[in-house]
Amino acid sequence: EELVFAPDGGAAAGGGGAGPVFLQEMQKKAKGKGNRVLVEKKQEVLALLNMLASTPVSTLVDATVMEKRAATELEAVTLQTNDDWNARLTIKKKNTNPPEYHFSDEDRALAQKAHERLLAIVAVATYYRRVSQSSSEMENMVKKLRGANEPTSILERLEVAETEAARAYAVVFDPALNPTLSFELSRAKRLNVPYDLAPVQKAYTRALSTAAKDTIALVKSSLAAYNKEKKMFLKRTRAPATLGAIDHGAHMVESLGKTLEALGAPAPFQDDVQAIMEERAAIAELAAEAQGGGGGGDADEEDDAV
């Protein structure tokens, strides 16, 4: 039949009907094609269902591997995670009365079992991936801090990474944002899927502590280089960068400390931050002079250096 477009922008067959009718026909054809694939690949489907229902998954990393493998193999047989697998496998044989089906009751029961277990695997794999990836990104920023020539820009990027990691952590562990966490972990435990997220929490806490440690070390290094300088005009030149490192570093350590305290861990390096901030006023004064072009009584020093 010729397809024509309906006035509402949909398509209709033979000039009659409306867009939704055309969509329903397309969905029906797609379902029929999917059913043919399921029947033609019945042995592959059953092998996949058995694999999902019974293959041991020992660690959270194993869960991510299984999730990826399942996605590829499900696509090959036209099953999707959000399908009703029992309904998808209820495929009637043609010209049978009473009706006979390509997949038995036992096959469909296996499908339900495999589907529930896959949902549990996908849930814990998603939780693991969200928190571990953001923690790794934060750790990568920390590595870039070490020996950085422009620490302020790296600190700014680290702050962004820490914010993203905190958001990812909250999306998983905050009951207000993820009210189904308890249910998901309980289901995973029942279906022999890794459910203990403590290693993920420990890795996140470790990343926060490392970030605080390296941030304070960077600020101290910048401050030491500033204090080591004897010539006043060179101190003035260094002052803006040193002030930026102090401000960004102190803010970073304070933010990390609050996050760690919320997790039940001690906030580190607070005494160091206080000591550094006591030197800030004098440095800020010189930084203002440098940015305002102020000089004063250091002309002889500057001439000697030139």
C-alpha atoms as a PDB file:
ATOM      1  CA  GLU A   1       0.000   0.000   0.000  1.00  0.00           C
ATOM      2  CA  GLU A   2       1.104   3.539  -0.661  1.00  0.00           C
ATOM      3  CA  LEU A   3       1.972   5.560   2.423  1.00  0.00           C
ATOM      4  CA  VAL A   4       0.789   9.152   2.636  1.00  0.00           C
ATOM      5  CA  PHE A   5       1.422  11.672   5.385  1.00  0.00           C
ATOM      6  CA  ALA A   6      -1.501  12.634   7.566  1.00  0.00           C
ATOM      7  CA  PRO A   7      -2.196  16.329   8.322  1.00  0.00           C
ATOM      8  CA  ASP A   8      -0.697  15.983  11.803  1.00  0.00           C
ATOM      9  CA  GLY A   9       2.665  14.982  10.375  1.00  0.00           C
ATOM     10  CA  GLY A  10       2.157  11.231  10.879  1.00  0.00           C
ATOM     11  CA  ALA A  11       1.744   8.730   8.105  1.00  0.00           C
ATOM     12  CA  ALA A  12      -1.313   6.802   7.061  1.00  0.00           C
ATOM     13  CA  ALA A  13      -1.725   3.784   4.797  1.00  0.00           C
ATOM     14  CA  GLY A  14      -3.683   4.332   1.572  1.00  0.00           C
ATOM     15  CA  GLY A  15      -4.642   7.830   2.622  1.00  0.00           C
ATOM     16  CA  GLY A  16      -6.775   6.697   5.580  1.00  0.00           C
ATOM     17  CA  GLY A  17      -6.104   6.600   9.320  1.00  0.00           C
ATOM     18  CA  ALA A  18      -3.622   8.728  11.234  1.00  0.00           C
ATOM     19  CA  GLY A  19       0.001   8.774  12.250  1.00  0.00           C
ATOM     20  CA  PRO A  20      -0.424   6.521  15.337  1.00  0.00           C
ATOM     21  CA  VAL A  21      -1.888   3.784  13.126  1.00  0.00           C
ATOM     22  CA  PHE A  22       1.233   3.785  11.007  1.00  0.00           C
ATOM     23  CA  LEU A  23       3.388   3.678  14.145  1.00  0.00           C
ATOM     24  CA  GLN A  24       1.436   0.705  15.484  1.00  0.00           C
ATOM     25  CA  GLU A  25       1.918  -1.127  12.184  1.00  0.00           C
ATOM     26  CA  MET A  26       5.664  -0.490  12.316  1.00  0.00           C
ATOM     27  CA  GLN A  27       5.832  -1.722  15.921  1.00  0.00           C
ATOM     28  CA  LYS A  28       3.862  -4.830  14.955  1.00  0.00           C
ATOM     29  CA  LYS A  29       6.248  -5.560  12.089  1.00  0.00           C
ATOM     30  CA  ALA A  30       9.264  -5.019  14.362  1.00  0.00           C
ATOM     31  CA  LYS A  31       7.782  -7.397  16.953  1.00  0.00           C
ATOM     32  CA  GLY A  32       7.141 -10.000  14.269  1.00  0.00           C
ATOM     33  CA  LYS A  33      10.718  -9.698  13.025  1.00  0.00           C
ATOM     34  CA  GLY A  34      12.009  -9.977  16.608  1.00  0.00           C
ATOM     35  CA  ASN A  35       9.883 -13.067  17.198  1.00  0.00           C
ATOM     36  CA  ARG A  36      11.312 -14.726  14.105  1.00  0.00           C
ATOM     37  CA  VAL A  37      14.831 -14.065  15.389  1.00  0.00           C
ATOM     38  CA  LEU A  38      13.970 -15.511  18.796  1.00  0.00           C
ATOM     39  CA  VAL A  39      12.553 -18.665  17.236  1.00  0.00           C
ATOM     40  CA  GLU A  40      15.395 -19.072  14.724  1.00  0.00           C
ATOM     41  CA  LYS A  41      17.984 -18.574  17.479  1.00  0.00           C
ATOM     42  CA  LYS A  42      16.114 -20.517  20.148  1.00  0.00           C
ATOM     43  CA  GLN A  43      19.155 -22.507  21.275  1.00  0.00           C
ATOM     44  CA  GLU A  44      21.247 -19.336  21.548  1.00  0.00           C
ATOM     45  CA  VAL A  45      18.456 -17.670  23.528  1.00  0.00           C
ATOM     46  CA  LEU A  46      18.226 -20.562  25.986  1.00  0.00           C
ATOM     47  CA  ALA A  47      22.019 -20.684  26.373  1.00  0.00           C
ATOM     48  CA  LEU A  48      22.050 -16.946  27.088  1.00  0.00           C
ATOM     49  CA  LEU A  49      19.267 -17.276  29.651  1.00  0.00           C
ATOM     50  CA  ASN A  50      21.095 -20.091  31.425  1.00  0.00           C
ATOM     51  CA  MET A  51      24.282 -18.045  31.458  1.00  0.00           C
ATOM     52  CA  LEU A  52      22.542 -15.036  32.995  1.00  0.00           C
ATOM     53  CA  ALA A  53      20.665 -17.134  35.532  1.00  0.00           C
ATOM     54  CA  SER A  54      23.566 -19.200  36.828  1.00  0.00           C
ATOM     55  CA  THR A  55      27.026 -17.846  35.929  1.00  0.00           C
ATOM     56  CA  PRO A  56      28.895 -16.839  39.115  1.00  0.00           C
ATOM     57  CA  VAL A  57      29.569 -13.119  39.514  1.00  0.00           C
ATOM     58  CA  SER A  58      32.102 -12.710  42.313  1.00  0.00           C
ATOM     59  CA  THR A  59      33.088  -9.029  42.282  1.00  0.00           C
ATOM     60  CA  LEU A  60      31.733  -5.657  41.270  1.00  0.00           C
ATOM     61  CA  VAL A  61      34.186  -5.630  38.368  1.00  0.00           C
ATOM     62  CA  ASP A  62      32.793  -9.008  37.278  1.00  0.00           C
ATOM     63  CA  ALA A  63      29.328  -7.449  37.316  1.00  0.00           C
ATOM     64  CA  THR A  64      30.417  -4.718  34.882  1.00  0.00           C
ATOM     65  CA  VAL A  65      31.949  -7.352  32.589  1.00  0.00           C
ATOM     66  CA  MET A  66      28.767  -9.422  32.686  1.00  0.00           C
ATOM     67  CA  GLU A  67      26.643  -6.344  32.016  1.00  0.00           C
ATOM     68  CA  LYS A  68      28.670  -5.523  28.895  1.00  0.00           C
ATOM     69  CA  ARG A  69      28.618  -9.108  27.635  1.00  0.00           C
ATOM     70  CA  ALA A  70      24.881  -9.419  28.199  1.00  0.00           C
ATOM     71  CA  ALA A  71      24.159  -6.198  26.294  1.00  0.00           C
ATOM     72  CA  THR A  72      25.948  -7.540  23.202  1.00  0.00           C
ATOM     73  CA  GLU A  73      24.345 -10.982  23.296  1.00  0.00           C
ATOM     74  CA  LEU A  74      20.854  -9.668  24.036  1.00  0.00           C
ATOM     75  CA  GLU A  75      21.032  -7.353  21.046  1.00  0.00           C
ATOM     76  CA  ALA A  76      21.880 -10.327  18.812  1.00  0.00           C
ATOM     77  CA  VAL A  77      18.620 -12.058  19.785  1.00  0.00           C
ATOM     78  CA  THR A  78      16.495  -8.832  19.890  1.00  0.00           C
ATOM     79  CA  LEU A  79      15.909  -8.924  23.664  1.00  0.00           C
ATOM     80  CA  GLN A  80      16.247  -5.737  25.687  1.00  0.00           C
ATOM     81  CA  THR A  81      16.782  -5.207  29.392  1.00  0.00           C
ATOM     82  CA  ASN A  82      13.521  -3.311  29.793  1.00  0.00           C
ATOM     83  CA  ASP A  83      11.442  -5.929  27.905  1.00  0.00           C
ATOM     84  CA  ASP A  84       9.033  -8.325  29.598  1.00  0.00           C
ATOM     85  CA  TRP A  85      10.973 -11.462  28.698  1.00  0.00           C
ATOM     86  CA  ASN A  86       8.148 -13.812  29.640  1.00  0.00           C
ATOM     87  CA  ALA A  87       5.858 -11.984  27.222  1.00  0.00           C
ATOM     88  CA  ARG A  88       8.526 -11.839  24.506  1.00  0.00           C
ATOM     89  CA  LEU A  89       8.954 -15.615  24.631  1.00  0.00           C
ATOM     90  CA  THR A  90       5.212 -16.298  24.506  1.00  0.00           C
ATOM     91  CA  ILE A  91       5.294 -16.959  20.755  1.00  0.00           C
ATOM     92  CA  LYS A  92       2.467 -19.099  19.384  1.00  0.00           C
ATOM     93  CA  LYS A  93       3.097 -21.675  16.670  1.00  0.00           C
ATOM     94  CA  LYS A  94       0.998 -21.173  13.554  1.00  0.00           C
ATOM     95  CA  ASN A  95      -2.053 -23.314  12.870  1.00  0.00           C
ATOM     96  CA  THR A  96      -2.158 -25.046  16.258  1.00  0.00           C
ATOM     97  CA  ASN A  97      -5.377 -25.701  18.161  1.00  0.00           C
ATOM     98  CA  PRO A  98      -5.164 -25.928  21.098  1.00  0.00           C
ATOM     99  CA  PRO A  99      -2.332 -23.398  20.852  1.00  0.00           C
ATOM    100  CA  GLU A 100       1.260 -24.563  21.083  1.00  0.00           C
ATOM    101  CA  TYR A 101       4.234 -22.327  21.765  1.00  0.00           C
ATOM    102  CA  HIS A 102       7.829 -22.241  20.580  1.00  0.00           C
ATOM    103  CA  PHE A 103       9.083 -21.714  24.146  1.00  0.00           C
ATOM    104  CA  SER A 104       7.822 -23.934  26.947  1.00  0.00           C
ATOM    105  CA  ASP A 105       6.588 -22.862  30.365  1.00  0.00           C
ATOM    106  CA  GLU A 106       9.991 -23.925  31.739  1.00  0.00           C
ATOM    107  CA  ASP A 107      11.739 -21.759  29.169  1.00  0.00           C
ATOM    108  CA  ARG A 108       9.684 -18.729  30.130  1.00  0.00           C
ATOM    109  CA  ALA A 109      10.254 -19.367  33.837  1.00  0.00           C
ATOM    110  CA  LEU A 110      13.977 -19.449  33.117  1.00  0.00           C
ATOM    111  CA  ALA A 111      13.609 -16.178  31.239  1.00  0.00           C
ATOM    112  CA  GLN A 112      12.009 -14.520  34.260  1.00  0.00           C
ATOM    113  CA  LYS A 113      14.776 -15.781  36.539  1.00  0.00           C
ATOM    114  CA  ALA A 114      17.515 -14.640  34.151  1.00  0.00           C
ATOM    115  CA  HIS A 115      15.868 -11.248  33.663  1.00  0.00           C
ATOM    116  CA  GLU A 116      15.617 -10.544  37.373  1.00  0.00           C
ATOM    117  CA  ARG A 117      19.241 -11.508  37.911  1.00  0.00           C
ATOM    118  CA  LEU A 118      20.387  -9.338  35.006  1.00  0.00           C
ATOM    119  CA  LEU A 119      18.523  -6.360  36.491  1.00  0.00           C
ATOM    120  CA  ALA A 120      20.386  -6.931  39.766  1.00  0.00           C
ATOM    121  CA  ILE A 121      23.726  -7.137  37.917  1.00  0.00           C
ATOM    122  CA  VAL A 122      23.018  -3.964  35.943  1.00  0.00           C
ATOM    123  CA  ALA A 123      22.070  -2.070  39.125  1.00  0.00           C
ATOM    124  CA  VAL A 124      25.244  -2.875  41.083  1.00  0.00           C
ATOM    125  CA  ALA A 125      27.416  -2.408  37.974  1.00  0.00           C
ATOM    126  CA  THR A 126      25.911   1.041  37.459  1.00  0.00           C
ATOM    127  CA  TYR A 127      26.519   2.010  41.086  1.00  0.00           C
ATOM    128  CA  TYR A 128      30.113   0.795  40.911  1.00  0.00           C
ATOM    129  CA  ARG A 129      30.806   2.557  37.633  1.00  0.00           C
ATOM    130  CA  ARG A 130      29.331   5.903  38.693  1.00  0.00           C
ATOM    131  CA  VAL A 131      31.377   6.248  41.868  1.00  0.00           C
ATOM    132  CA  SER A 132      34.612   4.547  40.767  1.00  0.00           C
ATOM    133  CA  GLN A 133      34.915   6.499  37.516  1.00  0.00           C
ATOM    134  CA  SER A 134      34.435   9.862  39.207  1.00  0.00           C
ATOM    135  CA  SER A 135      36.884   8.878  41.976  1.00  0.00           C
ATOM    136  CA  SER A 136      39.445   7.885  39.336  1.00  0.00           C
ATOM    137  CA  GLU A 137      39.015  11.220  37.584  1.00  0.00           C
ATOM    138  CA  MET A 138      39.684  13.013  40.846  1.00  0.00           C
ATOM    139  CA  GLU A 139      42.815  10.898  41.413  1.00  0.00           C
ATOM    140  CA  ASN A 140      44.028  11.748  37.903  1.00  0.00           C
ATOM    141  CA  MET A 141      43.703  15.448  38.699  1.00  0.00           C
ATOM    142  CA  VAL A 142      45.689  14.893  41.896  1.00  0.00           C
ATOM    143  CA  LYS A 143      48.515  13.302  39.891  1.00  0.00           C
ATOM    144  CA  LYS A 144      48.625  16.363  37.662  1.00  0.00           C
ATOM    145  CA  LEU A 145      49.042  18.536  40.754  1.00  0.00           C
ATOM    146  CA  ARG A 146      52.416  16.986  41.502  1.00  0.00           C
ATOM    147  CA  GLY A 147      55.068  19.149  39.919  1.00  0.00           C
ATOM    148  CA  ALA A 148      52.502  21.397  38.207  1.00  0.00           C
ATOM    149  CA  ASN A 149      53.901  24.649  36.819  1.00  0.00           C
ATOM    150  CA  GLU A 150      50.532  26.384  37.085  1.00  0.00           C
ATOM    151  CA  PRO A 151      48.951  24.915  40.216  1.00  0.00           C
ATOM    152  CA  THR A 152      45.993  27.290  40.292  1.00  0.00           C
ATOM    153  CA  SER A 153      44.524  25.996  37.029  1.00  0.00           C
ATOM    154  CA  ILE A 154      44.992  22.371  38.149  1.00  0.00           C
ATOM    155  CA  LEU A 155      43.355  23.165  41.497  1.00  0.00           C
ATOM    156  CA  GLU A 156      40.373  24.630  39.671  1.00  0.00           C
ATOM    157  CA  ARG A 157      40.033  21.446  37.608  1.00  0.00           C
ATOM    158  CA  LEU A 158      40.445  19.323  40.736  1.00  0.00           C
ATOM    159  CA  GLU A 159      37.623  21.266  42.375  1.00  0.00           C
ATOM    160  CA  VAL A 160      35.368  20.466  39.421  1.00  0.00           C
ATOM    161  CA  ALA A 161      36.355  16.783  39.596  1.00  0.00           C
ATOM    162  CA  GLU A 162      35.662  16.692  43.346  1.00  0.00           C
ATOM    163  CA  THR A 163      32.227  18.250  42.810  1.00  0.00           C
ATOM    164  CA  GLU A 164      31.399  15.671  40.152  1.00  0.00           C
ATOM    165  CA  ALA A 165      32.596  12.829  42.386  1.00  0.00           C
ATOM    166  CA  ALA A 166      30.478  14.100  45.288  1.00  0.00           C
ATOM    167  CA  ARG A 167      27.446  14.278  43.012  1.00  0.00           C
ATOM    168  CA  ALA A 168      28.019  10.740  41.711  1.00  0.00           C
ATOM    169  CA  TYR A 169      28.403   9.452  45.268  1.00  0.00           C
ATOM    170  CA  ALA A 170      25.195  11.156  46.390  1.00  0.00           C
ATOM    171  CA  VAL A 171      23.221   9.799  43.413  1.00  0.00           C
ATOM    172  CA  VAL A 172      24.087   6.291  44.594  1.00  0.00           C
ATOM    173  CA  PHE A 173      24.108   6.524  48.392  1.00  0.00           C
ATOM    174  CA  ASP A 174      21.739   9.381  49.288  1.00  0.00           C
ATOM    175  CA  PRO A 175      18.332   7.814  50.097  1.00  0.00           C
ATOM    176  CA  ALA A 176      16.579  10.967  48.915  1.00  0.00           C
ATOM    177  CA  LEU A 177      18.172  10.633  45.467  1.00  0.00           C
ATOM    178  CA  ASN A 178      18.200   6.835  45.286  1.00  0.00           C
ATOM    179  CA  PRO A 179      15.344   5.447  47.399  1.00  0.00           C
ATOM    180  CA  THR A 180      15.633   1.991  45.763  1.00  0.00           C
ATOM    181  CA  LEU A 181      19.231   1.331  46.888  1.00  0.00           C
ATOM    182  CA  SER A 182      18.230  -0.913  49.788  1.00  0.00           C
ATOM    183  CA  PHE A 183      15.897  -2.933  47.575  1.00  0.00           C
ATOM    184  CA  GLU A 184      18.510  -3.299  44.814  1.00  0.00           C
ATOM    185  CA  LEU A 185      21.205  -4.496  47.211  1.00  0.00           C
ATOM    186  CA  SER A 186      18.806  -6.879  48.933  1.00  0.00           C
ATOM    187  CA  ARG A 187      17.821  -8.363  45.576  1.00  0.00           C
ATOM    188  CA  ALA A 188      21.444  -8.672  44.511  1.00  0.00           C
ATOM    189  CA  LYS A 189      22.252 -10.562  47.722  1.00  0.00           C
ATOM    190  CA  ARG A 190      19.318 -12.919  47.176  1.00  0.00           C
ATOM    191  CA  LEU A 191      20.413 -13.668  43.597  1.00  0.00           C
ATOM    192  CA  ASN A 192      24.106 -14.226  44.388  1.00  0.00           C
ATOM    193  CA  VAL A 193      25.240 -10.951  42.843  1.00  0.00           C
ATOM    194  CA  PRO A 194      27.903  -8.789  44.581  1.00  0.00           C
ATOM    195  CA  TYR A 195      26.079  -6.341  46.807  1.00  0.00           C
ATOM    196  CA  ASP A 196      28.746  -4.967  49.177  1.00  0.00           C
ATOM    197  CA  LEU A 197      29.575  -1.425  48.027  1.00  0.00           C
ATOM    198  CA  ALA A 198      32.012  -0.812  50.905  1.00  0.00           C
ATOM    199  CA  PRO A 199      35.068  -1.082  48.578  1.00  0.00           C
ATOM    200  CA  VAL A 200      33.603   1.680  46.414  1.00  0.00           C
ATOM    201  CA  GLN A 201      33.043   3.881  49.464  1.00  0.00           C
ATOM    202  CA  LYS A 202      36.587   3.229  50.715  1.00  0.00           C
ATOM    203  CA  ALA A 203      38.063   4.087  47.316  1.00  0.00           C
ATOM    204  CA  TYR A 204      36.107   7.341  47.264  1.00  0.00           C
ATOM    205  CA  THR A 205      37.232   8.249  50.789  1.00  0.00           C
ATOM    206  CA  ARG A 206      40.836   7.440  49.860  1.00  0.00           C
ATOM    207  CA  ALA A 207      40.623   9.659  46.782  1.00  0.00           C
ATOM    208  CA  LEU A 208      39.334  12.549  48.917  1.00  0.00           C
ATOM    209  CA  SER A 209      42.120  12.116  51.478  1.00  0.00           C
ATOM    210  CA  THR A 210      44.796  11.933  48.776  1.00  0.00           C
ATOM    211  CA  ALA A 211      43.425  15.063  47.136  1.00  0.00           C
ATOM    212  CA  ALA A 212      43.583  16.944  50.448  1.00  0.00           C
ATOM    213  CA  LYS A 213      47.128  15.707  51.152  1.00  0.00           C
ATOM    214  CA  ASP A 214      48.501  16.706  47.758  1.00  0.00           C
ATOM    215  CA  THR A 215      46.652  20.015  47.731  1.00  0.00           C
ATOM    216  CA  ILE A 216      48.133  21.099  51.056  1.00  0.00           C
ATOM    217  CA  ALA A 217      51.592  19.921  49.913  1.00  0.00           C
ATOM    218  CA  LEU A 218      51.271  22.031  46.765  1.00  0.00           C
ATOM    219  CA  VAL A 219      50.252  25.136  48.701  1.00  0.00           C
ATOM    220  CA  LYS A 220      53.115  24.651  51.167  1.00  0.00           C
ATOM    221  CA  SER A 221      55.572  24.268  48.290  1.00  0.00           C
ATOM    222  CA  SER A 222      54.331  27.458  46.649  1.00  0.00           C
ATOM    223  CA  LEU A 223      54.506  29.311  49.958  1.00  0.00           C
ATOM    224  CA  ALA A 224      58.016  28.004  50.665  1.00  0.00           C
ATOM    225  CA  ALA A 225      59.251  29.219  47.282  1.00  0.00           C
ATOM    226  CA  TYR A 226      57.717  32.617  47.979  1.00  0.00           C
ATOM    227  CA  ASN A 227      59.270  32.920  51.457  1.00  0.00           C
ATOM    228  CA  LYS A 228      62.649  31.795  50.152  1.00  0.00           C
ATOM    229  CA  GLU A 229      62.804  34.762  47.800  1.00  0.00           C
ATOM    230  CA  LYS A 230      64.876  37.600  49.355  1.00  0.00           C
ATOM    231  CA  LYS A 231      64.435  40.407  46.831  1.00  0.00           C
ATOM    232  CA  MET A 232      61.273  42.334  47.468  1.00  0.00           C
ATOM    233  CA  PHE A 233      60.404  43.004  43.837  1.00  0.00           C
ATOM    234  CA  LEU A 234      60.639  39.266  43.088  1.00  0.00           C
ATOM    235  CA  LYS A 235      58.421  38.510  46.086  1.00  0.00           C
ATOM    236  CA  ARG A 236      55.964  41.019  44.672  1.00  0.00           C
ATOM    237  CA  THR A 237      56.106  39.271  41.300  1.00  0.00           C
ATOM    238  CA  ARG A 238      55.441  35.886  42.909  1.00  0.00           C
ATOM    239  CA  ALA A 239      52.682  37.183  45.196  1.00  0.00           C
ATOM    240  CA  PRO A 240      49.652  36.879  42.853  1.00  0.00           C
ATOM    241  CA  ALA A 241      50.365  33.248  41.935  1.00  0.00           C
ATOM    242  CA  THR A 242      51.123  32.368  45.561  1.00  0.00           C
ATOM    243  CA  LEU A 243      47.930  34.051  46.716  1.00  0.00           C
ATOM    244  CA  GLY A 244      45.929  32.132  44.098  1.00  0.00           C
ATOM    245  CA  ALA A 245      47.413  28.830  45.256  1.00  0.00           C
ATOM    246  CA  ILE A 246      46.636  29.669  48.888  1.00  0.00           C
ATOM    247  CA  ASP A 247      43.019  30.672  48.209  1.00  0.00           C
ATOM    248  CA  HIS A 248      42.189  27.791  45.888  1.00  0.00           C
ATOM    249  CA  GLY A 249      44.064  25.280  48.028  1.00  0.00           C
ATOM    250  CA  ALA A 250      42.483  26.372  51.299  1.00  0.00           C
ATOM    251  CA  HIS A 251      39.014  26.280  49.756  1.00  0.00           C
ATOM    252  CA  MET A 252      39.723  22.851  48.283  1.00  0.00           C
ATOM    253  CA  VAL A 253      40.950  21.370  51.570  1.00  0.00           C
ATOM    254  CA  GLU A 254      38.000  22.880  53.444  1.00  0.00           C
ATOM    255  CA  SER A 255      35.543  21.375  50.953  1.00  0.00           C
ATOM    256  CA  LEU A 256      37.269  17.977  51.063  1.00  0.00           C
ATOM    257  CA  GLY A 257      37.275  18.088  54.860  1.00  0.00           C
ATOM    258  CA  LYS A 258      33.515  18.700  55.026  1.00  0.00           C
ATOM    259  CA  THR A 259      32.873  15.809  52.653  1.00  0.00           C
ATOM    260  CA  LEU A 260      35.105  13.485  54.666  1.00  0.00           C
ATOM    261  CA  GLU A 261      33.418  14.490  57.927  1.00  0.00           C
ATOM    262  CA  ALA A 262      30.034  13.719  56.360  1.00  0.00           C
ATOM    263  CA  LEU A 263      31.362  10.233  55.588  1.00  0.00           C
ATOM    264  CA  GLY A 264      32.478   9.763  59.187  1.00  0.00           C
ATOM    265  CA  ALA A 265      36.179  10.352  58.469  1.00  0.00           C
ATOM    266  CA  PRO A 266      38.301  13.073  60.108  1.00  0.00           C
ATOM    267  CA  ALA A 267      38.837  16.330  58.238  1.00  0.00           C
ATOM    268  CA  PRO A 268      42.606  16.474  57.561  1.00  0.00           C
ATOM    269  CA  PHE A 269      45.111  19.341  57.548  1.00  0.00           C
ATOM    270  CA  GLN A 270      42.913  21.953  59.218  1.00  0.00           C
ATOM    271  CA  ASP A 271      45.832  23.184  61.362  1.00  0.00           C
ATOM    272  CA  ASP A 272      47.983  23.502  58.232  1.00  0.00           C
ATOM    273  CA  VAL A 273      45.319  25.576  56.519  1.00  0.00           C
ATOM    274  CA  GLN A 274      45.076  27.871  59.540  1.00  0.00           C
ATOM    275  CA  ALA A 275      48.852  28.391  59.594  1.00  0.00           C
ATOM    276  CA  ILE A 276      48.922  29.144  55.873  1.00  0.00           C
ATOM    277  CA  MET A 277      46.051  31.598  56.122  1.00  0.00           C
ATOM    278  CA  GLU A 278      47.931  33.546  58.800  1.00  0.00           C
ATOM    279  CA  GLU A 279      50.506  34.453  56.142  1.00  0.00           C
ATOM    280  CA  ARG A 280      47.906  35.387  53.585  1.00  0.00           C
ATOM    281  CA  ALA A 281      47.395  39.051  54.531  1.00  0.00           C
ATOM    282  CA  ALA A 282      50.990  40.094  53.830  1.00  0.00           C
ATOM    283  CA  ILE A 283      51.027  38.203  50.541  1.00  0.00           C
ATOM    284  CA  ALA A 284      47.701  39.721  49.487  1.00  0.00           C
ATOM    285  CA  GLU A 285      49.120  43.208  50.091  1.00  0.00           C
ATOM    286  CA  LEU A 286      52.082  42.561  47.792  1.00  0.00           C
ATOM    287  CA  ALA A 287      49.816  40.912  45.201  1.00  0.00           C
ATOM    288  CA  ALA A 288      47.654  44.037  45.132  1.00  0.00           C
ATOM    289  CA  GLU A 289      50.748  46.187  44.581  1.00  0.00           C
ATOM    290  CA  ALA A 290      51.917  43.940  41.740  1.00  0.00           C
ATOM    291  CA  GLN A 291      48.546  43.976  40.029  1.00  0.00           C
ATOM    292  CA  GLY A 292      48.163  47.718  40.544  1.00  0.00           C
ATOM    293  CA  GLY A 293      51.631  48.494  39.253  1.00  0.00           C
ATOM    294  CA  GLY A 294      52.772  49.788  42.636  1.00  0.00           C
ATOM    295  CA  GLY A 295      56.488  49.847  43.293  1.00  0.00           C
ATOM    296  CA  GLY A 296      57.782  52.069  46.007  1.00  0.00           C
ATOM    297  CA  GLY A 297      61.269  52.003  47.366  1.00  0.00           C
ATOM    298  CA  ASP A 298      62.727  48.990  45.588  1.00  0.00           C
ATOM    299  CA  ALA A 299      64.134  50.747  42.507  1.00  0.00           C
ATOM    300  CA  ASP A 300      67.766  50.007  43.363  1.00  0.00           C
ATOM    301  CA  GLU A 301      66.988  46.321  43.891  1.00  0.00           C
ATOM    302  CA  GLU A 302      65.154  46.163  40.594  1.00  0.00           C
ATOM    303  CA  ASP A 303      67.989  47.948  38.740  1.00  0.00           C
ATOM    304  CA  ASP A 304      70.536  45.519  40.195  1.00  0.00           C
ATOM    305  CA  ALA A 305      68.456  42.529  39.152  1.00  0.00           C
ATOM    306  CA  VAL A 306      67.971  43.860  35.612  1.00  0.00           C
END
